[in-house]
Amino acid sequence: MENDQTGAGVSGDMGWISGNYTVVDAKGAVLDSGNYLSVHRRTNGQWLYIRDTWNSDRPPAPKK
């Protein structure tokens, strides 16, 4: 998996990171790519994930 961070911010004890991702197989073929957003909260001096979401660039699977 490759990760390209494109944004980040902090306000008090809350922070966020956003970017793009690419998932490749062992031969280097792209399996998926898209965007992500992770939200963190500082608790006892540590940054902990509180929300994590991603959106694939690929179209949805067809209905069965």
N, C-alpha and C. Protein backbone atom coordinates (compact mmCIF):
# COMPACT_ATOMS: atom_id res chain seq x y z
N MET A 1 0.85 -1.17 0.00
CA MET A 1 0.00 0.00 0.00
C MET A 1 0.89 1.23 0.00
N GLU A 2 0.59 2.16 -0.85
CA GLU A 2 1.29 3.43 -0.90
C GLU A 2 0.36 4.52 -0.37
N ASN A 3 0.93 5.46 0.34
CA ASN A 3 0.15 6.50 1.00
C ASN A 3 0.77 7.85 0.69
N ASP A 4 -0.04 8.80 0.23
CA ASP A 4 0.43 10.15 -0.08
C ASP A 4 -0.39 11.14 0.74
N GLN A 5 0.16 11.60 1.85
CA GLN A 5 -0.54 12.55 2.72
C GLN A 5 -0.63 13.90 2.03
N THR A 6 -1.85 14.45 1.93
CA THR A 6 -2.04 15.73 1.25
C THR A 6 -2.48 16.85 2.18
N GLY A 7 -2.89 16.51 3.40
CA GLY A 7 -3.33 17.54 4.32
C GLY A 7 -3.26 17.06 5.76
N ALA A 8 -3.14 18.01 6.68
CA ALA A 8 -3.13 17.70 8.11
C ALA A 8 -3.45 18.97 8.87
N GLY A 9 -4.01 18.80 10.06
CA GLY A 9 -4.30 19.95 10.89
C GLY A 9 -4.50 19.55 12.33
N VAL A 10 -4.31 20.50 13.22
CA VAL A 10 -4.49 20.28 14.66
C VAL A 10 -5.22 21.48 15.24
N SER A 11 -6.17 21.21 16.12
CA SER A 11 -6.85 22.25 16.88
C SER A 11 -7.06 21.71 18.28
N GLY A 12 -6.29 22.22 19.21
CA GLY A 12 -6.38 21.71 20.58
C GLY A 12 -5.97 20.26 20.65
N ASP A 13 -6.86 19.42 21.17
CA ASP A 13 -6.59 17.99 21.28
C ASP A 13 -7.17 17.18 20.14
N MET A 14 -7.59 17.84 19.07
CA MET A 14 -8.12 17.15 17.89
C MET A 14 -7.18 17.38 16.72
N GLY A 15 -7.05 16.36 15.88
CA GLY A 15 -6.21 16.49 14.69
C GLY A 15 -6.77 15.64 13.56
N TRP A 16 -6.33 15.93 12.34
CA TRP A 16 -6.79 15.17 11.19
C TRP A 16 -5.66 15.03 10.17
N ILE A 17 -5.75 13.97 9.38
CA ILE A 17 -4.83 13.71 8.28
C ILE A 17 -5.66 13.25 7.10
N SER A 18 -5.35 13.76 5.91
CA SER A 18 -6.03 13.29 4.71
C SER A 18 -5.02 13.01 3.62
N GLY A 19 -5.43 12.24 2.64
CA GLY A 19 -4.51 11.94 1.54
C GLY A 19 -5.08 10.95 0.56
N ASN A 20 -4.18 10.42 -0.24
CA ASN A 20 -4.51 9.45 -1.28
C ASN A 20 -3.81 8.13 -0.96
N TYR A 21 -4.40 7.03 -1.38
CA TYR A 21 -3.77 5.73 -1.19
C TYR A 21 -3.83 4.93 -2.49
N THR A 22 -2.91 4.01 -2.63
CA THR A 22 -2.90 3.06 -3.74
C THR A 22 -2.51 1.70 -3.18
N VAL A 23 -3.31 0.69 -3.50
CA VAL A 23 -3.02 -0.68 -3.08
C VAL A 23 -2.54 -1.44 -4.32
N VAL A 24 -1.35 -2.05 -4.22
CA VAL A 24 -0.79 -2.81 -5.33
C VAL A 24 -0.51 -4.24 -4.88
N ASP A 25 -0.54 -5.18 -5.84
CA ASP A 25 -0.21 -6.56 -5.51
C ASP A 25 1.30 -6.77 -5.63
N ALA A 26 1.76 -7.99 -5.40
CA ALA A 26 3.19 -8.29 -5.40
C ALA A 26 3.85 -8.00 -6.75
N LYS A 27 3.08 -8.02 -7.84
CA LYS A 27 3.63 -7.75 -9.17
C LYS A 27 3.56 -6.27 -9.54
N GLY A 28 2.98 -5.46 -8.67
CA GLY A 28 2.89 -4.03 -8.91
C GLY A 28 1.61 -3.57 -9.58
N ALA A 29 0.68 -4.50 -9.83
CA ALA A 29 -0.60 -4.13 -10.44
C ALA A 29 -1.47 -3.40 -9.40
N VAL A 30 -2.11 -2.32 -9.83
CA VAL A 30 -2.97 -1.54 -8.93
C VAL A 30 -4.26 -2.30 -8.67
N LEU A 31 -4.55 -2.56 -7.40
CA LEU A 31 -5.79 -3.23 -7.00
C LEU A 31 -6.87 -2.23 -6.63
N ASP A 32 -6.46 -1.11 -6.06
CA ASP A 32 -7.42 -0.09 -5.64
C ASP A 32 -6.67 1.21 -5.41
N SER A 33 -7.39 2.32 -5.49
CA SER A 33 -6.84 3.63 -5.16
C SER A 33 -7.99 4.52 -4.71
N GLY A 34 -7.67 5.56 -3.96
CA GLY A 34 -8.72 6.45 -3.49
C GLY A 34 -8.18 7.48 -2.51
N ASN A 35 -9.07 7.95 -1.63
CA ASN A 35 -8.76 9.00 -0.67
C ASN A 35 -9.11 8.53 0.74
N TYR A 36 -8.47 9.15 1.73
CA TYR A 36 -8.77 8.80 3.12
C TYR A 36 -8.80 10.06 3.99
N LEU A 37 -9.45 9.93 5.12
CA LEU A 37 -9.48 10.96 6.15
C LEU A 37 -9.46 10.27 7.49
N SER A 38 -8.51 10.63 8.34
CA SER A 38 -8.39 10.07 9.69
C SER A 38 -8.45 11.22 10.70
N VAL A 39 -9.26 11.03 11.74
CA VAL A 39 -9.41 12.02 12.80
C VAL A 39 -8.84 11.44 14.08
N HIS A 40 -8.08 12.24 14.80
CA HIS A 40 -7.39 11.79 16.01
C HIS A 40 -7.72 12.69 17.19
N ARG A 41 -7.59 12.11 18.39
CA ARG A 41 -7.75 12.88 19.63
C ARG A 41 -6.53 12.59 20.50
N ARG A 42 -5.97 13.66 21.07
CA ARG A 42 -4.84 13.48 21.98
C ARG A 42 -5.39 13.14 23.36
N THR A 43 -5.00 11.98 23.86
CA THR A 43 -5.43 11.50 25.17
C THR A 43 -4.20 11.06 25.95
N ASN A 44 -3.97 11.68 27.11
CA ASN A 44 -2.81 11.34 27.94
C ASN A 44 -1.51 11.42 27.14
N GLY A 45 -1.39 12.42 26.28
CA GLY A 45 -0.18 12.64 25.51
C GLY A 45 -0.02 11.79 24.26
N GLN A 46 -0.98 10.90 23.97
CA GLN A 46 -0.91 10.05 22.79
C GLN A 46 -2.02 10.41 21.81
N TRP A 47 -1.70 10.38 20.50
CA TRP A 47 -2.70 10.63 19.47
C TRP A 47 -3.37 9.30 19.13
N LEU A 48 -4.68 9.24 19.36
CA LEU A 48 -5.45 8.01 19.12
C LEU A 48 -6.45 8.24 17.99
N TYR A 49 -6.62 7.23 17.14
CA TYR A 49 -7.64 7.31 16.09
C TYR A 49 -9.02 7.34 16.73
N ILE A 50 -9.87 8.24 16.27
CA ILE A 50 -11.27 8.19 16.71
C ILE A 50 -12.21 7.98 15.53
N ARG A 51 -11.77 8.35 14.31
CA ARG A 51 -12.55 8.11 13.09
C ARG A 51 -11.56 7.89 11.95
N ASP A 52 -11.90 6.97 11.07
CA ASP A 52 -11.07 6.68 9.91
C ASP A 52 -12.00 6.30 8.77
N THR A 53 -11.91 6.97 7.65
CA THR A 53 -12.77 6.66 6.52
C THR A 53 -11.97 6.74 5.24
N TRP A 54 -12.42 6.03 4.23
CA TRP A 54 -11.76 6.04 2.93
C TRP A 54 -12.82 5.89 1.85
N ASN A 55 -12.49 6.35 0.66
CA ASN A 55 -13.37 6.25 -0.49
C ASN A 55 -12.55 5.76 -1.67
N SER A 56 -12.98 4.67 -2.26
CA SER A 56 -12.30 4.12 -3.43
C SER A 56 -12.63 4.96 -4.66
N ASP A 57 -11.68 5.06 -5.58
CA ASP A 57 -11.92 5.71 -6.87
C ASP A 57 -12.64 4.79 -7.85
N ARG A 58 -12.70 3.52 -7.53
CA ARG A 58 -13.31 2.54 -8.44
C ARG A 58 -14.83 2.62 -8.35
N PRO A 59 -15.51 2.25 -9.43
CA PRO A 59 -16.98 2.27 -9.39
C PRO A 59 -17.51 1.19 -8.46
N PRO A 60 -18.73 1.36 -7.95
CA PRO A 60 -19.30 0.34 -7.10
C PRO A 60 -19.50 -0.96 -7.86
N ALA A 61 -19.52 -2.07 -7.12
CA ALA A 61 -19.78 -3.37 -7.74
C ALA A 61 -21.21 -3.38 -8.29
N PRO A 62 -21.42 -4.06 -9.40
CA PRO A 62 -22.79 -4.12 -9.95
C PRO A 62 -23.72 -4.90 -9.03
N LYS A 63 -24.99 -4.53 -9.06
CA LYS A 63 -25.99 -5.26 -8.25
C LYS A 63 -26.17 -6.66 -8.81
N LYS A 64 -26.38 -7.59 -7.89
CA LYS A 64 -26.60 -8.98 -8.32
C LYS A 64 -28.05 -9.28 -8.54
